[in-house]
Structures are given as structure tokens and as C-alpha cells.
């Protein structure tokens, strides 16, 4: 749906570079493309809307009830943040307990618990390996520098004079 097109049907607009819905591949190239107008037509079955400001009255089924989230995050750090789980505690055990408890209260039989992706350990290993490589490279650099200095101290005539 295109803002600024007062129509409920599709309109064929001549689009140029910078217009939404058209990516120009040459300089000065324009193209006529089909664009839906901004007025909602009866053809549209689903509409994605963001409520910016709450009005005086409630919208039935939209603003009058609060839906709990259907999916939980998968990353361990985000789960810790959401449920305020301490750093040393087992996340899986805590989640199973809290989710099953909430499900029993609401009367659900089947409960889906997210697969937890613990990234902390392997990220740390990766970082440590990277730092080890850096450290090794620095040591190698120092060694080669000292070898070079020793060599030129022994054979000063081979050292070229910089202009």
C-alpha cells in the first residue's frame, strides 16, 4: 500500500530512482509499475497494523485484551534477562519449572519449552583462541626484529641507507 495514492485499487505509476518499490538499475531509467492505493479495499484479507496512540474507546479483540507471547527467546543470556535467572543457575531446570507451573495454572495440557542456545562458553573459547593467535604473532614479530638487529649489528655494510 502506497501513501499518497488515494485509491482502493491498484494504480499503475511511473516510478523513478528513489521511489519506494522500485530499484533503478540504470541512470535516468523510469518504469511503470502496479502499486496498491492507500485506502483499504475489500480484497485485503489481512492487514499488518501498528497502534501508535490509544484512542478514547477500546477496539474489540485488539486493545481490550493482553496476549501473552507465544514464543520465548532461544539465547541463554536473553532468557536470563527476561526471567531474572542468576548467573550460576541452570536455565533449563528453571524454565521447565516456571513454564509448567504457568501452564497448570492456565489449564494447558501440552507445553512447549524452547531449545536453549548457550553461547557463552564457545564464544569465550573463540575469543581466547583469537587472542592467543594475536599474542603469538606479536612474539614472532619481536623475535624477527631482534634477529634483524643482531644480523645488522654483525654485518653493518649490508644495511641500506634510507634517503
C-alpha atoms as a PDB file:
ATOM      1  CA  UNK A   1       0.000   0.000   0.000  1.00  0.00           C
ATOM      2  CA  UNK A   2       1.403   3.318  -1.086  1.00  0.00           C
ATOM      3  CA  UNK A   3       0.966   6.548   0.851  1.00  0.00           C
ATOM      4  CA  UNK A   4      -0.211   9.482  -1.236  1.00  0.00           C
ATOM      5  CA  UNK A   5      -2.205   7.373  -3.716  1.00  0.00           C
ATOM      6  CA  UNK A   6      -5.890   7.976  -2.862  1.00  0.00           C
ATOM      7  CA  UNK A   7      -7.295   4.747  -4.309  1.00  0.00           C
ATOM      8  CA  UNK A   8      -8.552   1.398  -3.032  1.00  0.00           C
ATOM      9  CA  UNK A   9      -7.463  -0.457  -6.185  1.00  0.00           C
ATOM     10  CA  UNK A  10      -4.153  -0.926  -7.964  1.00  0.00           C
ATOM     11  CA  UNK A  11      -2.778   2.044  -9.900  1.00  0.00           C
ATOM     12  CA  UNK A  12      -0.004   1.954 -12.496  1.00  0.00           C
ATOM     13  CA  UNK A  13       2.515   4.639 -11.550  1.00  0.00           C
ATOM     14  CA  UNK A  14       5.609   5.781 -13.406  1.00  0.00           C
ATOM     15  CA  UNK A  15       8.357   5.200 -10.841  1.00  0.00           C
ATOM     16  CA  UNK A  16      11.860   6.679 -10.873  1.00  0.00           C
ATOM     17  CA  UNK A  17      15.047   6.228  -8.843  1.00  0.00           C
ATOM     18  CA  UNK A  18      14.407   6.795  -5.132  1.00  0.00           C
ATOM     19  CA  UNK A  19      10.712   5.832  -5.230  1.00  0.00           C
ATOM     20  CA  UNK A  20       9.600   3.064  -2.892  1.00  0.00           C
ATOM     21  CA  UNK A  21       9.027  -0.260  -4.561  1.00  0.00           C
ATOM     22  CA  UNK A  22      11.408   0.383  -7.461  1.00  0.00           C
ATOM     23  CA  UNK A  23      15.152  -0.125  -7.633  1.00  0.00           C
ATOM     24  CA  UNK A  24      16.645   1.637 -10.626  1.00  0.00           C
ATOM     25  CA  UNK A  25      19.400  -0.288 -12.397  1.00  0.00           C
ATOM     26  CA  UNK A  26      20.426   2.493 -14.832  1.00  0.00           C
ATOM     27  CA  UNK A  27      20.729   6.275 -14.665  1.00  0.00           C
ATOM     28  CA  UNK A  28      17.545   8.172 -15.515  1.00  0.00           C
ATOM     29  CA  UNK A  29      15.575   4.984 -16.035  1.00  0.00           C
ATOM     30  CA  UNK A  30      11.860   5.110 -15.149  1.00  0.00           C
ATOM     31  CA  UNK A  31       9.356   2.279 -15.141  1.00  0.00           C
ATOM     32  CA  UNK A  32       5.600   1.915 -14.863  1.00  0.00           C
ATOM     33  CA  UNK A  33       4.704  -0.428 -12.026  1.00  0.00           C
ATOM     34  CA  UNK A  34       1.490  -1.532 -10.383  1.00  0.00           C
ATOM     35  CA  UNK A  35       1.010  -0.063  -6.889  1.00  0.00           C
ATOM     36  CA  UNK A  36      -1.869  -0.545  -4.439  1.00  0.00           C
ATOM     37  CA  UNK A  37      -3.508   2.635  -3.169  1.00  0.00           C
ATOM     38  CA  UNK A  38      -3.606   3.718   0.480  1.00  0.00           C
ATOM     39  CA  UNK A  39      -7.339   3.115   1.008  1.00  0.00           C
ATOM     40  CA  UNK A  40      -8.042  -0.368   2.399  1.00  0.00           C
ATOM     41  CA  UNK A  41     -10.140  -2.362  -0.065  1.00  0.00           C
ATOM     42  CA  UNK A  42     -12.384  -5.380   0.483  1.00  0.00           C
ATOM     43  CA  UNK A  43      -9.842  -7.571  -1.373  1.00  0.00           C
ATOM     44  CA  UNK A  44      -7.355  -7.394   1.512  1.00  0.00           C
ATOM     45  CA  UNK A  45      -7.852 -10.250   3.977  1.00  0.00           C
ATOM     46  CA  UNK A  46      -5.028  -9.499   6.433  1.00  0.00           C
ATOM     47  CA  UNK A  47      -3.618  -6.128   7.394  1.00  0.00           C
ATOM     48  CA  UNK A  48      -0.462  -5.534   9.429  1.00  0.00           C
ATOM     49  CA  UNK A  49      -1.028  -2.516  11.649  1.00  0.00           C
ATOM     50  CA  UNK A  50       0.916  -0.841  14.439  1.00  0.00           C
ATOM     51  CA  UNK A  51      -1.127   1.077  17.000  1.00  0.00           C
ATOM     52  CA  UNK A  52       0.725   4.321  17.586  1.00  0.00           C
ATOM     53  CA  UNK A  53      -1.645   6.043  20.005  1.00  0.00           C
ATOM     54  CA  UNK A  54      -4.514   4.645  22.056  1.00  0.00           C
ATOM     55  CA  UNK A  55      -7.846   6.352  21.450  1.00  0.00           C
ATOM     56  CA  UNK A  56     -10.819   7.063  23.727  1.00  0.00           C
ATOM     57  CA  UNK A  57     -12.586   3.740  23.067  1.00  0.00           C
ATOM     58  CA  UNK A  58     -11.271   0.183  23.017  1.00  0.00           C
ATOM     59  CA  UNK A  59     -11.043  -1.803  19.764  1.00  0.00           C
ATOM     60  CA  UNK A  60     -12.685  -5.197  20.282  1.00  0.00           C
ATOM     61  CA  UNK A  61     -10.148  -8.026  20.162  1.00  0.00           C
ATOM     62  CA  UNK A  62      -7.196  -5.675  19.673  1.00  0.00           C
ATOM     63  CA  UNK A  63      -6.713  -3.210  22.538  1.00  0.00           C
ATOM     64  CA  UNK A  64      -9.150  -4.674  25.082  1.00  0.00           C
ATOM     65  CA  UNK A  65      -7.051  -7.786  25.899  1.00  0.00           C
ATOM     66  CA  UNK A  66      -3.400  -8.600  26.517  1.00  0.00           C
ATOM     67  CA  UNK A  67      -1.972 -11.670  24.785  1.00  0.00           C
ATOM     68  CA  UNK A  68       0.969 -13.478  26.341  1.00  0.00           C
ATOM     69  CA  UNK A  69       3.888 -14.017  23.988  1.00  0.00           C
ATOM     70  CA  UNK A  70       3.731 -17.307  22.098  1.00  0.00           C
ATOM     71  CA  UNK A  71       7.479 -17.763  21.681  1.00  0.00           C
ATOM     72  CA  UNK A  72      10.297 -17.273  24.126  1.00  0.00           C
ATOM     73  CA  UNK A  73      13.828 -16.265  23.148  1.00  0.00           C
ATOM     74  CA  UNK A  74      16.302 -19.054  22.469  1.00  0.00           C
ATOM     75  CA  UNK A  75      19.526 -17.391  23.592  1.00  0.00           C
ATOM     76  CA  UNK A  76      20.503 -18.120  27.184  1.00  0.00           C
ATOM     77  CA  UNK A  77      21.534 -14.548  28.006  1.00  0.00           C
ATOM     78  CA  UNK A  78      18.162 -13.173  26.865  1.00  0.00           C
ATOM     79  CA  UNK A  79      16.307 -15.825  28.873  1.00  0.00           C
ATOM     80  CA  UNK A  80      18.367 -14.899  31.958  1.00  0.00           C
ATOM     81  CA  UNK A  81      17.476 -11.254  31.433  1.00  0.00           C
ATOM     82  CA  UNK A  82      13.748 -11.906  30.972  1.00  0.00           C
ATOM     83  CA  UNK A  83      13.260 -14.311  33.894  1.00  0.00           C
ATOM     84  CA  UNK A  84      15.951 -12.732  36.125  1.00  0.00           C
ATOM     85  CA  UNK A  85      17.847 -16.018  36.470  1.00  0.00           C
ATOM     86  CA  UNK A  86      21.129 -15.723  38.409  1.00  0.00           C
ATOM     87  CA  UNK A  87      24.375 -16.300  36.503  1.00  0.00           C
ATOM     88  CA  UNK A  88      25.283 -19.674  38.063  1.00  0.00           C
ATOM     89  CA  UNK A  89      21.789 -21.247  37.974  1.00  0.00           C
ATOM     90  CA  UNK A  90      20.680 -23.907  35.471  1.00  0.00           C
ATOM     91  CA  UNK A  91      18.438 -22.176  32.917  1.00  0.00           C
ATOM     92  CA  UNK A  92      16.780 -25.321  31.569  1.00  0.00           C
ATOM     93  CA  UNK A  93      15.652 -26.500  35.007  1.00  0.00           C
ATOM     94  CA  UNK A  94      14.342 -23.049  35.937  1.00  0.00           C
ATOM     95  CA  UNK A  95      12.444 -22.690  32.630  1.00  0.00           C
ATOM     96  CA  UNK A  96      10.835 -26.132  32.850  1.00  0.00           C
ATOM     97  CA  UNK A  97       9.615 -25.388  36.370  1.00  0.00           C
ATOM     98  CA  UNK A  98       8.265 -21.912  35.625  1.00  0.00           C
ATOM     99  CA  UNK A  99       6.624 -22.791  32.284  1.00  0.00           C
ATOM    100  CA  UNK A 100       4.948 -25.974  33.547  1.00  0.00           C
ATOM    101  CA  UNK A 101       3.705 -24.094  36.606  1.00  0.00           C
ATOM    102  CA  UNK A 102       2.213 -21.344  34.412  1.00  0.00           C
ATOM    103  CA  UNK A 103       0.658 -23.959  32.102  1.00  0.00           C
ATOM    104  CA  UNK A 104      -1.011 -25.786  35.002  1.00  0.00           C
ATOM    105  CA  UNK A 105      -2.487 -22.517  36.255  1.00  0.00           C
ATOM    106  CA  UNK A 106      -3.906 -21.676  32.824  1.00  0.00           C
ATOM    107  CA  UNK A 107      -5.160 -25.256  32.244  1.00  0.00           C
ATOM    108  CA  UNK A 108      -2.947 -26.197  29.298  1.00  0.00           C
ATOM    109  CA  UNK A 109      -2.023 -29.837  28.811  1.00  0.00           C
ATOM    110  CA  UNK A 110       0.796 -29.532  26.288  1.00  0.00           C
ATOM    111  CA  UNK A 111       3.696 -27.180  26.920  1.00  0.00           C
ATOM    112  CA  UNK A 112       6.462 -26.220  24.507  1.00  0.00           C
ATOM    113  CA  UNK A 113       9.796 -25.290  26.054  1.00  0.00           C
ATOM    114  CA  UNK A 114      12.347 -23.503  23.840  1.00  0.00           C
ATOM    115  CA  UNK A 115      15.620 -25.156  22.910  1.00  0.00           C
ATOM    116  CA  UNK A 116      18.211 -23.140  24.770  1.00  0.00           C
ATOM    117  CA  UNK A 117      21.252 -22.000  22.852  1.00  0.00           C
ATOM    118  CA  UNK A 118      24.086 -21.442  25.281  1.00  0.00           C
ATOM    119  CA  UNK A 119      26.579 -19.231  23.507  1.00  0.00           C
ATOM    120  CA  UNK A 120      28.732 -18.039  26.391  1.00  0.00           C
ATOM    121  CA  UNK A 121      31.186 -20.939  26.518  1.00  0.00           C
ATOM    122  CA  UNK A 122      32.047 -21.287  22.841  1.00  0.00           C
ATOM    123  CA  UNK A 123      32.137 -17.522  22.316  1.00  0.00           C
ATOM    124  CA  UNK A 124      34.684 -17.282  25.121  1.00  0.00           C
ATOM    125  CA  UNK A 125      36.729 -20.131  23.614  1.00  0.00           C
ATOM    126  CA  UNK A 126      36.657 -18.400  20.234  1.00  0.00           C
ATOM    127  CA  UNK A 127      37.795 -15.115  21.773  1.00  0.00           C
ATOM    128  CA  UNK A 128      40.585 -16.830  23.727  1.00  0.00           C
ATOM    129  CA  UNK A 129      41.830 -18.567  20.573  1.00  0.00           C
ATOM    130  CA  UNK A 130      41.818 -15.250  18.707  1.00  0.00           C
ATOM    131  CA  UNK A 131      43.800 -13.563  21.495  1.00  0.00           C
ATOM    132  CA  UNK A 132      46.309 -16.454  21.561  1.00  0.00           C
ATOM    133  CA  UNK A 133      46.913 -16.053  17.815  1.00  0.00           C
ATOM    134  CA  UNK A 134      47.421 -12.293  18.282  1.00  0.00           C
ATOM    135  CA  UNK A 135      49.863 -12.845  21.145  1.00  0.00           C
ATOM    136  CA  UNK A 136      51.816 -15.416  19.129  1.00  0.00           C
ATOM    137  CA  UNK A 137      52.032 -13.035  16.158  1.00  0.00           C
ATOM    138  CA  UNK A 138      53.364 -10.253  18.402  1.00  0.00           C
ATOM    139  CA  UNK A 139      56.019 -12.565  19.864  1.00  0.00           C
ATOM    140  CA  UNK A 140      57.034 -13.677  16.363  1.00  0.00           C
ATOM    141  CA  UNK A 141      57.303 -10.025  15.329  1.00  0.00           C
ATOM    142  CA  UNK A 142      59.541  -9.205  18.325  1.00  0.00           C
ATOM    143  CA  UNK A 143      61.756 -12.247  17.630  1.00  0.00           C
ATOM    144  CA  UNK A 144      62.223 -11.322  13.978  1.00  0.00           C
ATOM    145  CA  UNK A 145      63.012  -7.713  14.952  1.00  0.00           C
ATOM    146  CA  UNK A 146      65.728  -8.802  17.415  1.00  0.00           C
ATOM    147  CA  UNK A 147      67.171 -11.250  14.853  1.00  0.00           C
ATOM    148  CA  UNK A 148      67.252  -8.471  12.264  1.00  0.00           C
ATOM    149  CA  UNK A 149      69.021  -6.088  14.666  1.00  0.00           C
ATOM    150  CA  UNK A 150      71.576  -8.767  15.592  1.00  0.00           C
ATOM    151  CA  UNK A 151      72.241  -9.511  11.917  1.00  0.00           C
ATOM    152  CA  UNK A 152      72.786  -5.850  11.004  1.00  0.00           C
ATOM    153  CA  UNK A 153      74.985  -5.365  14.083  1.00  0.00           C
ATOM    154  CA  UNK A 154      77.148  -8.182  12.749  1.00  0.00           C
ATOM    155  CA  UNK A 155      77.072  -7.018   9.080  1.00  0.00           C
ATOM    156  CA  UNK A 156      76.504  -3.240   9.051  1.00  0.00           C
ATOM    157  CA  UNK A 157      77.613  -2.903   5.390  1.00  0.00           C
ATOM    158  CA  UNK A 158      74.510  -4.850   4.231  1.00  0.00           C
ATOM    159  CA  UNK A 159      72.124  -2.366   5.776  1.00  0.00           C
ATOM    160  CA  UNK A 160      70.832   0.077   3.160  1.00  0.00           C
ATOM    161  CA  UNK A 161      70.809   3.750   3.986  1.00  0.00           C
ATOM    162  CA  UNK A 162      67.343   5.313   3.922  1.00  0.00           C
ATOM    163  CA  UNK A 163      67.142   8.615   1.984  1.00  0.00           C
END
